[in-house]
mmCIF file of all heavy atoms, coordinates in Angstrom:
data_MODEL
# 
_entry.id   MODEL 
# 
loop_
_atom_site.group_PDB 
_atom_site.id 
_atom_site.type_symbol 
_atom_site.label_atom_id 
_atom_site.label_alt_id 
_atom_site.label_comp_id 
_atom_site.label_asym_id 
_atom_site.label_entity_id 
_atom_site.label_seq_id 
_atom_site.pdbx_PDB_ins_code 
_atom_site.Cartn_x 
_atom_site.Cartn_y 
_atom_site.Cartn_z 
_atom_site.occupancy 
_atom_site.B_iso_or_equiv 
_atom_site.pdbx_formal_charge 
_atom_site.auth_seq_id 
_atom_site.auth_comp_id 
_atom_site.auth_asym_id 
_atom_site.auth_atom_id 
_atom_site.pdbx_PDB_model_num 
ATOM 1   N N   . ILE A 1 1  ? -2.604  -5.454  -2.693 1.00 0.00 ? 1  ILE A N   1 
ATOM 2   C CA  . ILE A 1 1  ? -1.645  -5.080  -1.644 1.00 0.00 ? 1  ILE A CA  1 
ATOM 3   C C   . ILE A 1 1  ? -0.266  -5.645  -1.962 1.00 0.00 ? 1  ILE A C   1 
ATOM 4   O O   . ILE A 1 1  ? 0.749   -4.948  -1.826 1.00 0.00 ? 1  ILE A O   1 
ATOM 5   C CB  . ILE A 1 1  ? -2.135  -5.573  -0.266 1.00 0.00 ? 1  ILE A CB  1 
ATOM 6   C CG1 . ILE A 1 1  ? -3.373  -4.807  0.156  1.00 0.00 ? 1  ILE A CG1 1 
ATOM 7   C CG2 . ILE A 1 1  ? -1.034  -5.443  0.781  1.00 0.00 ? 1  ILE A CG2 1 
ATOM 8   C CD1 . ILE A 1 1  ? -4.086  -5.403  1.345  1.00 0.00 ? 1  ILE A CD1 1 
ATOM 9   N N   . GLU A 1 2  ? -0.219  -6.891  -2.404 1.00 0.00 ? 2  GLU A N   1 
ATOM 10  C CA  . GLU A 1 2  ? 1.057   -7.513  -2.742 1.00 0.00 ? 2  GLU A CA  1 
ATOM 11  C C   . GLU A 1 2  ? 1.730   -6.790  -3.912 1.00 0.00 ? 2  GLU A C   1 
ATOM 12  O O   . GLU A 1 2  ? 2.935   -6.534  -3.881 1.00 0.00 ? 2  GLU A O   1 
ATOM 13  C CB  . GLU A 1 2  ? 0.842   -8.981  -3.089 1.00 0.00 ? 2  GLU A CB  1 
ATOM 14  C CG  . GLU A 1 2  ? 2.128   -9.737  -3.350 1.00 0.00 ? 2  GLU A CG  1 
ATOM 15  C CD  . GLU A 1 2  ? 1.887   -11.211 -3.643 1.00 0.00 ? 2  GLU A CD  1 
ATOM 16  O OE1 . GLU A 1 2  ? 0.789   -11.718 -3.366 1.00 0.00 ? 2  GLU A OE1 1 
ATOM 17  O OE2 . GLU A 1 2  ? 2.829   -11.841 -4.156 1.00 0.00 ? 2  GLU A OE2 1 
ATOM 18  N N   . ALA A 1 3  ? 0.960   -6.431  -4.923 1.00 0.00 ? 3  ALA A N   1 
ATOM 19  C CA  . ALA A 1 3  ? 1.514   -5.725  -6.078 1.00 0.00 ? 3  ALA A CA  1 
ATOM 20  C C   . ALA A 1 3  ? 2.072   -4.365  -5.679 1.00 0.00 ? 3  ALA A C   1 
ATOM 21  O O   . ALA A 1 3  ? 3.184   -3.986  -6.094 1.00 0.00 ? 3  ALA A O   1 
ATOM 22  C CB  . ALA A 1 3  ? 0.451   -5.564  -7.164 1.00 0.00 ? 3  ALA A CB  1 
ATOM 23  N N   . ILE A 1 4  ? 1.334   -3.622  -4.873 1.00 0.00 ? 4  ILE A N   1 
ATOM 24  C CA  . ILE A 1 4  ? 1.800   -2.299  -4.425 1.00 0.00 ? 4  ILE A CA  1 
ATOM 25  C C   . ILE A 1 4  ? 3.060   -2.445  -3.585 1.00 0.00 ? 4  ILE A C   1 
ATOM 26  O O   . ILE A 1 4  ? 4.045   -1.734  -3.788 1.00 0.00 ? 4  ILE A O   1 
ATOM 27  C CB  . ILE A 1 4  ? 0.702   -1.570  -3.626 1.00 0.00 ? 4  ILE A CB  1 
ATOM 28  C CG1 . ILE A 1 4  ? -0.484  -1.228  -4.527 1.00 0.00 ? 4  ILE A CG1 1 
ATOM 29  C CG2 . ILE A 1 4  ? 1.264   -0.305  -2.982 1.00 0.00 ? 4  ILE A CG2 1 
ATOM 30  C CD1 . ILE A 1 4  ? -1.712  -0.758  -3.772 1.00 0.00 ? 4  ILE A CD1 1 
ATOM 31  N N   . THR A 1 5  ? 3.031   -3.358  -2.633 1.00 0.00 ? 5  THR A N   1 
ATOM 32  C CA  . THR A 1 5  ? 4.163   -3.543  -1.732 1.00 0.00 ? 5  THR A CA  1 
ATOM 33  C C   . THR A 1 5  ? 5.430   -3.915  -2.496 1.00 0.00 ? 5  THR A C   1 
ATOM 34  O O   . THR A 1 5  ? 6.491   -3.326  -2.281 1.00 0.00 ? 5  THR A O   1 
ATOM 35  C CB  . THR A 1 5  ? 3.849   -4.634  -0.690 1.00 0.00 ? 5  THR A CB  1 
ATOM 36  O OG1 . THR A 1 5  ? 2.673   -4.254  0.023  1.00 0.00 ? 5  THR A OG1 1 
ATOM 37  C CG2 . THR A 1 5  ? 4.984   -4.798  0.296  1.00 0.00 ? 5  THR A CG2 1 
ATOM 38  N N   . ASN A 1 6  ? 5.323   -4.885  -3.399 1.00 0.00 ? 6  ASN A N   1 
ATOM 39  C CA  . ASN A 1 6  ? 6.503   -5.316  -4.151 1.00 0.00 ? 6  ASN A CA  1 
ATOM 40  C C   . ASN A 1 6  ? 7.036   -4.228  -5.074 1.00 0.00 ? 6  ASN A C   1 
ATOM 41  O O   . ASN A 1 6  ? 8.245   -4.070  -5.224 1.00 0.00 ? 6  ASN A O   1 
ATOM 42  C CB  . ASN A 1 6  ? 6.192   -6.579  -4.948 1.00 0.00 ? 6  ASN A CB  1 
ATOM 43  C CG  . ASN A 1 6  ? 5.978   -7.785  -4.057 1.00 0.00 ? 6  ASN A CG  1 
ATOM 44  O OD1 . ASN A 1 6  ? 6.435   -7.814  -2.917 1.00 0.00 ? 6  ASN A OD1 1 
ATOM 45  N ND2 . ASN A 1 6  ? 5.264   -8.773  -4.556 1.00 0.00 ? 6  ASN A ND2 1 
ATOM 46  N N   . ALA A 1 7  ? 6.144   -3.470  -5.697 1.00 0.00 ? 7  ALA A N   1 
ATOM 47  C CA  . ALA A 1 7  ? 6.577   -2.443  -6.648 1.00 0.00 ? 7  ALA A CA  1 
ATOM 48  C C   . ALA A 1 7  ? 7.095   -1.184  -5.963 1.00 0.00 ? 7  ALA A C   1 
ATOM 49  O O   . ALA A 1 7  ? 7.977   -0.506  -6.497 1.00 0.00 ? 7  ALA A O   1 
ATOM 50  C CB  . ALA A 1 7  ? 5.430   -2.083  -7.585 1.00 0.00 ? 7  ALA A CB  1 
ATOM 51  N N   . ALA A 1 8  ? 6.585   -0.853  -4.788 1.00 0.00 ? 8  ALA A N   1 
ATOM 52  C CA  . ALA A 1 8  ? 6.954   0.399   -4.120 1.00 0.00 ? 8  ALA A CA  1 
ATOM 53  C C   . ALA A 1 8  ? 8.131   0.254   -3.165 1.00 0.00 ? 8  ALA A C   1 
ATOM 54  O O   . ALA A 1 8  ? 8.718   1.244   -2.743 1.00 0.00 ? 8  ALA A O   1 
ATOM 55  C CB  . ALA A 1 8  ? 5.751   0.964   -3.372 1.00 0.00 ? 8  ALA A CB  1 
ATOM 56  N N   . ARG A 1 9  ? 8.498   -0.964  -2.817 1.00 0.00 ? 9  ARG A N   1 
ATOM 57  C CA  . ARG A 1 9  ? 9.535   -1.178  -1.803 1.00 0.00 ? 9  ARG A CA  1 
ATOM 58  C C   . ARG A 1 9  ? 10.921  -0.839  -2.334 1.00 0.00 ? 9  ARG A C   1 
ATOM 59  O O   . ARG A 1 9  ? 11.335  -1.299  -3.386 1.00 0.00 ? 9  ARG A O   1 
ATOM 60  C CB  . ARG A 1 9  ? 9.516   -2.625  -1.335 1.00 0.00 ? 9  ARG A CB  1 
ATOM 61  C CG  . ARG A 1 9  ? 10.558  -2.911  -0.247 1.00 0.00 ? 9  ARG A CG  1 
ATOM 62  C CD  . ARG A 1 9  ? 10.557  -4.349  0.206  1.00 0.00 ? 9  ARG A CD  1 
ATOM 63  N NE  . ARG A 1 9  ? 9.318   -4.638  0.917  1.00 0.00 ? 9  ARG A NE  1 
ATOM 64  C CZ  . ARG A 1 9  ? 8.546   -5.673  0.657  1.00 0.00 ? 9  ARG A CZ  1 
ATOM 65  N NH1 . ARG A 1 9  ? 8.863   -6.522  -0.296 1.00 0.00 ? 9  ARG A NH1 1 
ATOM 66  N NH2 . ARG A 1 9  ? 7.446   -5.879  1.338  1.00 0.00 ? 9  ARG A NH2 1 
ATOM 67  N N   . THR A 1 10 ? 11.644  -0.002  -1.584 1.00 0.00 ? 10 THR A N   1 
ATOM 68  C CA  . THR A 1 10 ? 13.060  0.264   -1.861 1.00 0.00 ? 10 THR A CA  1 
ATOM 69  C C   . THR A 1 10 ? 13.929  -0.321  -0.757 1.00 0.00 ? 10 THR A C   1 
ATOM 70  O O   . THR A 1 10 ? 15.130  -0.457  -0.931 1.00 0.00 ? 10 THR A O   1 
ATOM 71  C CB  . THR A 1 10 ? 13.355  1.779   -1.954 1.00 0.00 ? 10 THR A CB  1 
ATOM 72  O OG1 . THR A 1 10 ? 13.158  2.375   -0.667 1.00 0.00 ? 10 THR A OG1 1 
ATOM 73  C CG2 . THR A 1 10 ? 12.497  2.458   -2.993 1.00 0.00 ? 10 THR A CG2 1 
ATOM 74  N N   . GLY A 1 11 ? 13.329  -0.617  0.380  1.00 0.00 ? 11 GLY A N   1 
ATOM 75  C CA  . GLY A 1 11 ? 14.076  -1.123  1.522  1.00 0.00 ? 11 GLY A CA  1 
ATOM 76  C C   . GLY A 1 11 ? 14.628  -0.022  2.401  1.00 0.00 ? 11 GLY A C   1 
ATOM 77  O O   . GLY A 1 11 ? 15.304  -0.292  3.387  1.00 0.00 ? 11 GLY A O   1 
ATOM 78  N N   . LYS A 1 12 ? 14.334  1.221   2.056  1.00 0.00 ? 12 LYS A N   1 
ATOM 79  C CA  . LYS A 1 12 ? 14.817  2.358   2.839  1.00 0.00 ? 12 LYS A CA  1 
ATOM 80  C C   . LYS A 1 12 ? 13.646  3.024   3.548  1.00 0.00 ? 12 LYS A C   1 
ATOM 81  O O   . LYS A 1 12 ? 12.486  2.858   3.162  1.00 0.00 ? 12 LYS A O   1 
ATOM 82  C CB  . LYS A 1 12 ? 15.517  3.352   1.920  1.00 0.00 ? 12 LYS A CB  1 
ATOM 83  C CG  . LYS A 1 12 ? 16.740  2.744   1.264  1.00 0.00 ? 12 LYS A CG  1 
ATOM 84  C CD  . LYS A 1 12 ? 17.487  3.756   0.461  1.00 0.00 ? 12 LYS A CD  1 
ATOM 85  C CE  . LYS A 1 12 ? 18.756  3.087   -0.042 1.00 0.00 ? 12 LYS A CE  1 
ATOM 86  N NZ  . LYS A 1 12 ? 19.101  3.387   -1.384 1.00 0.00 ? 12 LYS A NZ  1 
ATOM 87  N N   . ILE A 1 13 ? 13.978  3.801   4.554  1.00 0.00 ? 13 ILE A N   1 
ATOM 88  C CA  . ILE A 1 13 ? 12.954  4.496   5.322  1.00 0.00 ? 13 ILE A CA  1 
ATOM 89  C C   . ILE A 1 13 ? 12.167  5.426   4.389  1.00 0.00 ? 13 ILE A C   1 
ATOM 90  O O   . ILE A 1 13 ? 12.716  5.992   3.457  1.00 0.00 ? 13 ILE A O   1 
ATOM 91  C CB  . ILE A 1 13 ? 13.580  5.258   6.504  1.00 0.00 ? 13 ILE A CB  1 
ATOM 92  C CG1 . ILE A 1 13 ? 12.516  5.676   7.501  1.00 0.00 ? 13 ILE A CG1 1 
ATOM 93  C CG2 . ILE A 1 13 ? 14.402  6.434   6.025  1.00 0.00 ? 13 ILE A CG2 1 
ATOM 94  C CD1 . ILE A 1 13 ? 13.061  6.072   8.848  1.00 0.00 ? 13 ILE A CD1 1 
ATOM 95  N N   . GLY A 1 14 ? 10.861  5.530   4.630  1.00 0.00 ? 14 GLY A N   1 
ATOM 96  C CA  . GLY A 1 14 ? 10.023  6.414   3.823  1.00 0.00 ? 14 GLY A CA  1 
ATOM 97  C C   . GLY A 1 14 ? 9.366   5.741   2.636  1.00 0.00 ? 14 GLY A C   1 
ATOM 98  O O   . GLY A 1 14 ? 8.845   6.417   1.759  1.00 0.00 ? 14 GLY A O   1 
ATOM 99  N N   . ASP A 1 15 ? 9.384   4.403   2.582  1.00 0.00 ? 15 ASP A N   1 
ATOM 100 C CA  . ASP A 1 15 ? 8.745   3.697   1.460  1.00 0.00 ? 15 ASP A CA  1 
ATOM 101 C C   . ASP A 1 15 ? 7.238   3.931   1.423  1.00 0.00 ? 15 ASP A C   1 
ATOM 102 O O   . ASP A 1 15 ? 6.639   3.852   0.357  1.00 0.00 ? 15 ASP A O   1 
ATOM 103 C CB  . ASP A 1 15 ? 9.026   2.198   1.534  1.00 0.00 ? 15 ASP A CB  1 
ATOM 104 C CG  . ASP A 1 15 ? 10.346  1.824   0.888  1.00 0.00 ? 15 ASP A CG  1 
ATOM 105 O OD1 . ASP A 1 15 ? 10.957  2.689   0.234  1.00 0.00 ? 15 ASP A OD1 1 
ATOM 106 O OD2 . ASP A 1 15 ? 10.755  0.665   1.023  1.00 0.00 ? 15 ASP A OD2 1 
ATOM 107 N N   . GLY A 1 16 ? 6.624   4.189   2.553  1.00 0.00 ? 16 GLY A N   1 
ATOM 108 C CA  . GLY A 1 16 ? 5.207   4.522   2.561  1.00 0.00 ? 16 GLY A CA  1 
ATOM 109 C C   . GLY A 1 16 ? 4.352   3.593   3.389  1.00 0.00 ? 16 GLY A C   1 
ATOM 110 O O   . GLY A 1 16 ? 4.844   2.753   4.133  1.00 0.00 ? 16 GLY A O   1 
ATOM 111 N N   . LYS A 1 17 ? 3.038   3.745   3.227  1.00 0.00 ? 17 LYS A N   1 
ATOM 112 C CA  . LYS A 1 17 ? 2.066   2.958   3.995  1.00 0.00 ? 17 LYS A CA  1 
ATOM 113 C C   . LYS A 1 17 ? 0.885   2.630   3.094  1.00 0.00 ? 17 LYS A C   1 
ATOM 114 O O   . LYS A 1 17 ? 0.624   3.303   2.105  1.00 0.00 ? 17 LYS A O   1 
ATOM 115 C CB  . LYS A 1 17 ? 1.553   3.765   5.181  1.00 0.00 ? 17 LYS A CB  1 
ATOM 116 C CG  . LYS A 1 17 ? 2.589   4.063   6.234  1.00 0.00 ? 17 LYS A CG  1 
ATOM 117 C CD  . LYS A 1 17 ? 2.071   3.663   7.585  1.00 0.00 ? 17 LYS A CD  1 
ATOM 118 C CE  . LYS A 1 17 ? 3.069   3.762   8.697  1.00 0.00 ? 17 LYS A CE  1 
ATOM 119 N NZ  . LYS A 1 17 ? 4.110   4.688   8.668  1.00 0.00 ? 17 LYS A NZ  1 
ATOM 120 N N   . ILE A 1 18 ? 0.147   1.591   3.486  1.00 0.00 ? 18 ILE A N   1 
ATOM 121 C CA  . ILE A 1 18 ? -1.081  1.207   2.806  1.00 0.00 ? 18 ILE A CA  1 
ATOM 122 C C   . ILE A 1 18 ? -2.193  1.163   3.841  1.00 0.00 ? 18 ILE A C   1 
ATOM 123 O O   . ILE A 1 18 ? -2.021  0.582   4.913  1.00 0.00 ? 18 ILE A O   1 
ATOM 124 C CB  . ILE A 1 18 ? -0.943  -0.175  2.122  1.00 0.00 ? 18 ILE A CB  1 
ATOM 125 C CG1 . ILE A 1 18 ? 0.161   -0.140  1.066  1.00 0.00 ? 18 ILE A CG1 1 
ATOM 126 C CG2 . ILE A 1 18 ? -2.273  -0.601  1.504  1.00 0.00 ? 18 ILE A CG2 1 
ATOM 127 C CD1 . ILE A 1 18 ? 0.475   -1.503  0.457  1.00 0.00 ? 18 ILE A CD1 1 
ATOM 128 N N   . PHE A 1 19 ? -3.319  1.786   3.512  1.00 0.00 ? 19 PHE A N   1 
ATOM 129 C CA  . PHE A 1 19 ? -4.488  1.800   4.386  1.00 0.00 ? 19 PHE A CA  1 
ATOM 130 C C   . PHE A 1 19 ? -5.650  1.155   3.640  1.00 0.00 ? 19 PHE A C   1 
ATOM 131 O O   . PHE A 1 19 ? -5.861  1.440   2.463  1.00 0.00 ? 19 PHE A O   1 
ATOM 132 C CB  . PHE A 1 19 ? -4.877  3.236   4.762  1.00 0.00 ? 19 PHE A CB  1 
ATOM 133 C CG  . PHE A 1 19 ? -3.752  4.022   5.369  1.00 0.00 ? 19 PHE A CG  1 
ATOM 134 C CD1 . PHE A 1 19 ? -2.949  4.838   4.585  1.00 0.00 ? 19 PHE A CD1 1 
ATOM 135 C CD2 . PHE A 1 19 ? -3.493  3.950   6.726  1.00 0.00 ? 19 PHE A CD2 1 
ATOM 136 C CE1 . PHE A 1 19 ? -1.907  5.563   5.133  1.00 0.00 ? 19 PHE A CE1 1 
ATOM 137 C CE2 . PHE A 1 19 ? -2.449  4.674   7.292  1.00 0.00 ? 19 PHE A CE2 1 
ATOM 138 C CZ  . PHE A 1 19 ? -1.654  5.482   6.490  1.00 0.00 ? 19 PHE A CZ  1 
ATOM 139 N N   . ILE A 1 20 ? -6.412  0.313   4.323  1.00 0.00 ? 20 ILE A N   1 
ATOM 140 C CA  . ILE A 1 20 ? -7.551  -0.349  3.710  1.00 0.00 ? 20 ILE A CA  1 
ATOM 141 C C   . ILE A 1 20 ? -8.802  -0.026  4.514  1.00 0.00 ? 20 ILE A C   1 
ATOM 142 O O   . ILE A 1 20 ? -8.810  -0.144  5.738  1.00 0.00 ? 20 ILE A O   1 
ATOM 143 C CB  . ILE A 1 20 ? -7.352  -1.881  3.646  1.00 0.00 ? 20 ILE A CB  1 
ATOM 144 C CG1 . ILE A 1 20 ? -6.172  -2.193  2.733  1.00 0.00 ? 20 ILE A CG1 1 
ATOM 145 C CG2 . ILE A 1 20 ? -8.581  -2.578  3.093  1.00 0.00 ? 20 ILE A CG2 1 
ATOM 146 C CD1 . ILE A 1 20 ? -5.090  -2.897  3.414  1.00 0.00 ? 20 ILE A CD1 1 
ATOM 147 N N   . SER A 1 21 ? -9.853  0.397   3.805  1.00 0.00 ? 21 SER A N   1 
ATOM 148 C CA  . SER A 1 21 ? -11.115 0.693   4.481  1.00 0.00 ? 21 SER A CA  1 
ATOM 149 C C   . SER A 1 21 ? -12.274 0.121   3.675  1.00 0.00 ? 21 SER A C   1 
ATOM 150 O O   . SER A 1 21 ? -12.158 -0.160  2.486  1.00 0.00 ? 21 SER A O   1 
ATOM 151 C CB  . SER A 1 21 ? -11.279 2.200   4.692  1.00 0.00 ? 21 SER A CB  1 
ATOM 152 O OG  . SER A 1 21 ? -11.135 2.891   3.482  1.00 0.00 ? 21 SER A OG  1 
ATOM 153 N N   . GLU A 1 22 ? -13.390 -0.028  4.341  1.00 0.00 ? 22 GLU A N   1 
ATOM 154 C CA  . GLU A 1 22 ? -14.601 -0.594  3.735  1.00 0.00 ? 22 GLU A CA  1 
ATOM 155 C C   . GLU A 1 22 ? -15.300 0.467   2.884  1.00 0.00 ? 22 GLU A C   1 
ATOM 156 O O   . GLU A 1 22 ? -15.380 1.628   3.273  1.00 0.00 ? 22 GLU A O   1 
ATOM 157 C CB  . GLU A 1 22 ? -15.540 -1.081  4.842  1.00 0.00 ? 22 GLU A CB  1 
ATOM 158 C CG  . GLU A 1 22 ? -16.714 -1.868  4.366  1.00 0.00 ? 22 GLU A CG  1 
ATOM 159 C CD  . GLU A 1 22 ? -16.326 -3.250  3.869  1.00 0.00 ? 22 GLU A CD  1 
ATOM 160 O OE1 . GLU A 1 22 ? -15.394 -3.852  4.417  1.00 0.00 ? 22 GLU A OE1 1 
ATOM 161 O OE2 . GLU A 1 22 ? -16.972 -3.713  2.922  1.00 0.00 ? 22 GLU A OE2 1 
ATOM 162 N N   . VAL A 1 23 ? -15.801 0.052   1.730  1.00 0.00 ? 23 VAL A N   1 
ATOM 163 C CA  . VAL A 1 23 ? -16.608 0.922   0.871  1.00 0.00 ? 23 VAL A CA  1 
ATOM 164 C C   . VAL A 1 23 ? -18.008 0.323   0.835  1.00 0.00 ? 23 VAL A C   1 
ATOM 165 O O   . VAL A 1 23 ? -18.185 -0.849  0.492  1.00 0.00 ? 23 VAL A O   1 
ATOM 166 C CB  . VAL A 1 23 ? -16.020 0.999   -0.562 1.00 0.00 ? 23 VAL A CB  1 
ATOM 167 C CG1 . VAL A 1 23 ? -16.942 1.774   -1.482 1.00 0.00 ? 23 VAL A CG1 1 
ATOM 168 C CG2 . VAL A 1 23 ? -14.640 1.628   -0.535 1.00 0.00 ? 23 VAL A CG2 1 
ATOM 169 N N   . THR A 1 24 ? -19.001 1.113   1.188  1.00 0.00 ? 24 THR A N   1 
ATOM 170 C CA  . THR A 1 24 ? -20.358 0.581   1.258  1.00 0.00 ? 24 THR A CA  1 
ATOM 171 C C   . THR A 1 24 ? -21.132 0.740   -0.046 1.00 0.00 ? 24 THR A C   1 
ATOM 172 O O   . THR A 1 24 ? -22.057 -0.027  -0.305 1.00 0.00 ? 24 THR A O   1 
ATOM 173 C CB  . THR A 1 24 ? -21.153 1.244   2.397  1.00 0.00 ? 24 THR A CB  1 
ATOM 174 O OG1 . THR A 1 24 ? -21.158 2.654   2.184  1.00 0.00 ? 24 THR A OG1 1 
ATOM 175 C CG2 . THR A 1 24 ? -20.519 0.926   3.741  1.00 0.00 ? 24 THR A CG2 1 
ATOM 176 N N   . LYS A 1 25 ? -20.786 1.719   -0.854 1.00 0.00 ? 25 LYS A N   1 
ATOM 177 C CA  . LYS A 1 25 ? -21.520 1.928   -2.090 1.00 0.00 ? 25 LYS A CA  1 
ATOM 178 C C   . LYS A 1 25 ? -20.649 2.666   -3.088 1.00 0.00 ? 25 LYS A C   1 
ATOM 179 O O   . LYS A 1 25 ? -19.898 3.557   -2.735 1.00 0.00 ? 25 LYS A O   1 
ATOM 180 C CB  . LYS A 1 25 ? -22.784 2.737   -1.829 1.00 0.00 ? 25 LYS A CB  1 
ATOM 181 C CG  . LYS A 1 25 ? -23.668 2.854   -3.040 1.00 0.00 ? 25 LYS A CG  1 
ATOM 182 C CD  . LYS A 1 25 ? -25.136 3.003   -2.729 1.00 0.00 ? 25 LYS A CD  1 
ATOM 183 C CE  . LYS A 1 25 ? -25.795 1.952   -1.932 1.00 0.00 ? 25 LYS A CE  1 
ATOM 184 N NZ  . LYS A 1 25 ? -26.182 0.731   -2.588 1.00 0.00 ? 25 LYS A NZ  1 
ATOM 185 N N   . VAL A 1 26 ? -20.760 2.255   -4.368 1.00 0.00 ? 26 VAL A N   1 
ATOM 186 C CA  . VAL A 1 26 ? -20.084 2.927   -5.474 1.00 0.00 ? 26 VAL A CA  1 
ATOM 187 C C   . VAL A 1 26 ? -21.121 3.152   -6.562 1.00 0.00 ? 26 VAL A C   1 
ATOM 188 O O   . VAL A 1 26 ? -21.899 2.250   -6.875 1.00 0.00 ? 26 VAL A O   1 
ATOM 189 C CB  . VAL A 1 26 ? -18.927 2.073   -6.046 1.00 0.00 ? 26 VAL A CB  1 
ATOM 190 C CG1 . VAL A 1 26 ? -18.319 2.735   -7.266 1.00 0.00 ? 26 VAL A CG1 1 
ATOM 191 C CG2 . VAL A 1 26 ? -17.865 1.834   -4.990 1.00 0.00 ? 26 VAL A CG2 1 
# 
């Protein structure tokens, strides 16, 4: 999350969102 946030941030509107969900099996 920290890597995505730091790399994707421009400081302007529309930078995006991050969603986290549980994975039960791969």
